[in-house]
Amino acid sequence: MYSLALLNGGIGARVAAGRPKQFIVVKGIPILVYALVAADSVEAITQIVLNYPDGWRDDVEKIVNDYAIKTPITYVPAGKTRHESVANMLPHIVNDHVIIHESARPLISAGDFERIIAHEHPDVSYMLEIPFTVAPVDPATHKVTGSLERDTLRNVQLPQKFSKKTLTAAHEYAATEGVTFTEDATLCAVAGFDVRFLEGNDRNLKVTTPVDVLIAGYLLGNEANDE
C-alpha cells in the first residue's frame, strides 16, 4: 500500500492570484481537486498526507469535503521550503511506500499513479526529455560557463515514488550535510540510492505563472475560469 504526500503549501506568488494557487479555479474546479480525485480512485493509495499554507487549513478541508474525497487524509502544516515540507510530512506517513505529487500539477490521472506504482523498481520518478538546449551560467556576471549534454539531462516531473526507508534516510542525509533540494529524486540519488526514471509526458505541466493557468485550462478541455 502507498501513502500519497500531496504538496499543497505554496502561496502562488508568481501566479499573482492574491491567494494560494491551489485555489485558482480551472475549468470550474480548484486546481487542488484534480490530484485529489485522481489519487482517490487508486486502490493502492490508502492515505493522503496533505499540507496547507499557514492560515488556509479550513479552506483546504472544505475542498476535501465538498468533493467527497474518501481516502483518509492527514493534514500537515507546510514548511518554509518544498524540502522542509516533505521532511515534515514523513513522520505522518503510515505506509512503507510513498508517492510524492503536488497540487500544482493538475493534469494527473489515476493511470499515471498506477503506472508508476506498477514499475518494478521501488524508487522512481517521471522525467521528460528536454527539447531545448540548456547551458550552465554564472548569474552574477551573466557569463556562460560551459555546455551540457542534452541527451543526459531530463526534466524532473511528478509523481515520484520511494520506499519510505529510502526517503527518510535521504532526508536524514540532507539534514546532516546541511543541504536542501527542490525535489526528491535527485536528493535520493545524491544520498547514494538507486533511483530510476520513467518516461513522462509534456502535458504534465506545473502551474506556476498566469500563462500556465491558461494552458492547463486548455488542456483540461476549456480555458481557465479563475473565479
Protein backbone atom coordinates (compact mmCIF):
# COMPACT_ATOMS: atom_id res chain seq x y z
CA MET A 1 0.00 0.00 0.00
CA TYR A 2 1.05 3.60 -0.67
CA SER A 3 0.75 6.92 1.10
CA LEU A 4 0.49 9.97 -1.13
CA ALA A 5 2.37 13.04 0.09
CA LEU A 6 0.49 15.77 -1.78
CA LEU A 7 2.40 19.04 -1.66
CA ASN A 8 -0.08 21.86 -1.39
CA GLY A 9 1.69 24.52 0.65
CA GLY A 10 2.79 27.07 -1.96
CA ILE A 11 1.44 30.60 -1.85
CA GLY A 12 1.45 31.13 -5.62
CA ALA A 13 3.39 34.41 -5.70
CA ARG A 14 4.32 34.03 -9.38
CA VAL A 15 0.70 33.44 -10.36
CA ALA A 16 -0.20 36.71 -8.61
CA ALA A 17 -3.68 35.46 -7.81
CA GLY A 18 -3.88 37.10 -4.39
CA ARG A 19 -4.29 33.67 -2.79
CA PRO A 20 -2.56 30.28 -2.86
CA LYS A 21 -2.60 28.95 -6.42
CA GLN A 22 -4.22 25.66 -5.37
CA PHE A 23 -7.48 27.62 -5.01
CA ILE A 24 -7.39 29.01 -8.55
CA VAL A 25 -10.32 27.62 -10.49
CA VAL A 26 -9.52 25.80 -13.73
CA LYS A 27 -12.46 24.51 -15.77
CA GLY A 28 -14.72 25.33 -12.84
CA ILE A 29 -12.71 23.31 -10.32
CA PRO A 30 -9.97 24.34 -7.83
CA ILE A 31 -6.60 23.07 -9.05
CA LEU A 32 -6.12 21.05 -5.84
CA VAL A 33 -9.12 18.89 -6.67
CA TYR A 34 -7.64 17.28 -9.79
CA ALA A 35 -4.84 15.47 -7.94
CA LEU A 36 -7.13 14.56 -5.04
CA VAL A 37 -9.75 12.99 -7.29
CA ALA A 38 -7.15 11.09 -9.34
CA ALA A 39 -5.50 9.66 -6.22
CA ASP A 40 -8.83 8.90 -4.57
CA SER A 41 -9.66 6.39 -7.31
CA VAL A 42 -6.40 4.43 -6.95
CA GLU A 43 -6.92 1.39 -4.74
CA ALA A 44 -3.25 1.13 -3.75
CA ILE A 45 -3.27 4.65 -2.26
CA THR A 46 -4.70 4.22 1.22
CA GLN A 47 -3.58 7.50 2.81
CA ILE A 48 -3.16 11.07 1.61
CA VAL A 49 -0.86 13.36 3.60
CA LEU A 50 -1.87 16.86 2.53
CA ASN A 51 -0.13 20.03 3.59
CA TYR A 52 -1.50 23.55 3.57
CA PRO A 53 -0.26 27.15 3.74
CA ASP A 54 -0.40 28.92 7.06
CA GLY A 55 -3.94 30.13 7.73
CA TRP A 56 -5.58 28.08 4.96
CA ARG A 57 -6.34 24.73 6.62
CA ASP A 58 -10.10 25.34 6.87
CA ASP A 59 -10.26 26.20 3.17
CA VAL A 60 -8.34 23.06 2.22
CA GLU A 61 -10.57 20.87 4.40
CA LYS A 62 -13.66 22.44 2.85
CA ILE A 63 -12.47 21.48 -0.63
CA VAL A 64 -11.80 17.91 0.51
CA ASN A 65 -15.30 17.69 1.99
CA ASP A 66 -17.03 19.41 -0.93
CA TYR A 67 -15.57 16.91 -3.39
CA ALA A 68 -16.26 13.90 -1.13
CA ILE A 69 -12.70 12.53 -1.07
CA LYS A 70 -12.94 9.08 0.52
CA THR A 71 -9.25 8.28 1.14
CA PRO A 72 -8.22 9.09 4.72
CA ILE A 73 -6.36 12.40 4.85
CA THR A 74 -3.75 13.61 7.32
CA TYR A 75 -3.28 17.40 7.36
CA VAL A 76 0.21 18.82 7.96
CA PRO A 77 1.34 22.47 8.03
CA ALA A 78 3.60 23.45 5.13
CA GLY A 79 7.28 24.09 5.72
CA LYS A 80 9.17 27.17 4.59
CA THR A 81 10.52 25.28 1.56
CA ARG A 82 9.41 22.29 -0.50
CA HIS A 83 12.27 20.28 1.01
CA GLU A 84 11.15 21.14 4.54
CA SER A 85 7.53 20.35 3.67
CA VAL A 86 8.39 16.80 2.58
CA ALA A 87 10.52 16.30 5.70
CA ASN A 88 7.60 17.48 7.86
CA MET A 89 5.21 15.07 6.13
CA LEU A 90 7.40 11.97 6.50
CA PRO A 91 6.60 11.26 10.19
CA HIS A 92 2.88 11.18 9.33
CA ILE A 93 3.20 8.57 6.56
CA VAL A 94 1.81 5.21 7.70
CA ASN A 95 2.71 3.01 4.72
CA ASP A 96 6.09 1.59 3.70
CA HIS A 97 5.91 3.22 0.27
CA VAL A 98 5.40 6.89 -0.58
CA ILE A 99 4.23 8.72 -3.68
CA ILE A 100 5.05 12.43 -3.93
CA HIS A 101 2.94 14.72 -6.06
CA GLU A 102 1.96 18.38 -5.97
CA SER A 103 -1.41 20.03 -6.41
CA ALA A 104 0.13 22.50 -8.88
CA ARG A 105 0.26 19.65 -11.44
CA PRO A 106 -3.46 19.17 -12.17
CA LEU A 107 -3.04 17.16 -15.38
CA ILE A 108 -2.58 13.95 -13.42
CA SER A 109 -4.67 10.83 -13.88
CA ALA A 110 -5.30 7.69 -11.90
CA GLY A 111 -3.45 5.88 -14.70
CA ASP A 112 -0.34 7.99 -14.09
CA PHE A 113 -0.32 6.95 -10.44
CA GLU A 114 -0.99 3.31 -11.32
CA ARG A 115 1.76 3.21 -13.93
CA ILE A 116 4.45 4.38 -11.53
CA ILE A 117 3.15 2.09 -8.78
CA ALA A 118 3.42 -0.84 -11.20
CA HIS A 119 7.08 -0.09 -12.01
CA GLU A 120 9.26 -2.87 -10.61
CA HIS A 121 11.79 -0.52 -9.01
CA PRO A 122 10.90 0.97 -5.60
CA ASP A 123 12.38 4.44 -6.20
CA VAL A 124 11.19 6.02 -9.47
CA SER A 125 10.40 9.46 -10.88
CA TYR A 126 8.64 10.55 -14.02
CA MET A 127 11.05 12.56 -16.17
CA LEU A 128 10.84 14.09 -19.62
CA GLU A 129 13.38 14.62 -22.38
CA ILE A 130 14.46 18.23 -22.73
CA PRO A 131 13.62 19.52 -26.23
CA PHE A 132 15.82 22.62 -26.00
CA THR A 133 19.46 23.45 -25.26
CA VAL A 134 20.45 24.31 -21.69
CA ALA A 135 23.74 25.87 -20.57
CA PRO A 136 25.49 26.44 -17.23
CA VAL A 137 25.94 30.14 -16.45
CA ASP A 138 27.15 32.48 -13.72
CA PRO A 139 24.02 34.51 -12.80
CA ALA A 140 26.09 37.22 -11.13
CA THR A 141 28.18 38.03 -14.22
CA HIS A 142 25.80 36.74 -16.92
CA LYS A 143 28.69 34.66 -18.22
CA VAL A 144 28.13 31.34 -20.00
CA THR A 145 30.47 28.91 -18.25
CA GLY A 146 30.31 25.79 -20.41
CA SER A 147 27.96 23.34 -22.06
CA LEU A 148 25.76 20.43 -21.05
CA GLU A 149 24.94 17.26 -22.99
CA ARG A 150 21.19 17.41 -23.52
CA ASP A 151 20.85 13.65 -24.05
CA THR A 152 21.99 13.02 -20.47
CA LEU A 153 19.57 15.53 -18.92
CA ARG A 154 15.91 15.18 -18.03
CA ASN A 155 13.15 17.49 -16.89
CA VAL A 156 12.14 16.14 -13.47
CA GLN A 157 8.40 15.64 -13.17
CA LEU A 158 5.99 14.27 -10.60
CA PRO A 159 4.67 11.97 -9.31
CA GLN A 160 7.62 10.14 -7.82
CA LYS A 161 7.58 7.04 -5.65
CA PHE A 162 10.01 5.90 -2.97
CA SER A 163 10.42 3.38 -0.24
CA LYS A 164 9.73 5.27 2.97
CA LYS A 165 13.08 3.99 4.29
CA THR A 166 14.90 5.44 1.29
CA LEU A 167 13.16 8.82 1.52
CA THR A 168 13.68 9.07 5.29
CA ALA A 169 17.36 8.19 5.01
CA ALA A 170 17.83 10.70 2.18
CA HIS A 171 16.31 13.49 4.25
CA GLU A 172 18.48 12.49 7.21
CA TYR A 173 21.50 12.75 4.87
CA ALA A 174 20.41 16.22 3.75
CA ALA A 175 19.99 17.37 7.35
CA THR A 176 23.43 16.04 8.29
CA GLU A 177 25.09 17.66 5.28
CA GLY A 178 23.14 20.91 5.62
CA VAL A 179 21.84 20.79 2.05
CA THR A 180 18.39 21.25 0.55
CA PHE A 181 16.85 20.05 -2.70
CA THR A 182 13.97 21.25 -4.84
CA GLU A 183 12.70 17.70 -5.41
CA ASP A 184 13.33 14.23 -4.04
CA ALA A 185 14.61 12.07 -6.91
CA THR A 186 17.90 13.95 -7.08
CA LEU A 187 18.04 14.13 -3.28
CA CYS A 188 17.81 10.35 -3.03
CA ALA A 189 20.33 9.86 -5.85
CA VAL A 190 22.87 12.23 -4.27
CA ALA A 191 22.33 10.47 -0.93
CA GLY A 192 23.53 7.26 -2.62
CA PHE A 193 20.30 5.47 -3.52
CA ASP A 194 19.47 3.81 -6.84
CA VAL A 195 16.76 5.99 -8.38
CA ARG A 196 15.30 5.22 -11.82
CA PHE A 197 13.22 7.31 -14.19
CA LEU A 198 10.07 6.60 -16.15
CA GLU A 199 9.24 8.49 -19.33
CA GLY A 200 6.87 11.35 -18.58
CA ASN A 201 4.74 13.42 -20.93
CA ASP A 202 4.65 17.06 -21.95
CA ARG A 203 1.06 17.56 -20.73
CA ASN A 204 2.26 17.15 -17.15
CA LEU A 205 3.00 20.83 -16.61
CA LYS A 206 3.37 22.63 -13.32
CA VAL A 207 1.12 25.66 -12.90
CA THR A 208 3.47 28.46 -11.89
CA THR A 209 2.53 31.53 -13.92
CA PRO A 210 -0.73 33.05 -15.26
CA VAL A 211 0.13 31.61 -18.69
CA ASP A 212 0.37 28.15 -17.14
CA VAL A 213 -3.17 28.57 -15.76
CA LEU A 214 -4.45 29.26 -19.27
CA ILE A 215 -2.55 26.31 -20.76
CA ALA A 216 -3.82 23.97 -18.04
CA GLY A 217 -7.37 25.15 -18.69
CA TYR A 218 -7.00 24.50 -22.40
CA LEU A 219 -5.51 21.04 -21.87
CA LEU A 220 -8.25 20.16 -19.41
CA GLY A 221 -10.81 20.94 -22.08
CA ASN A 222 -11.58 24.59 -21.52
CA GLU A 223 -9.95 27.91 -20.82
CA ALA A 224 -9.16 28.68 -17.18
CA ASN A 225 -12.05 30.22 -15.28
CA ASP A 226 -10.49 31.92 -12.29
CA GLU A 227 -13.47 32.93 -10.20
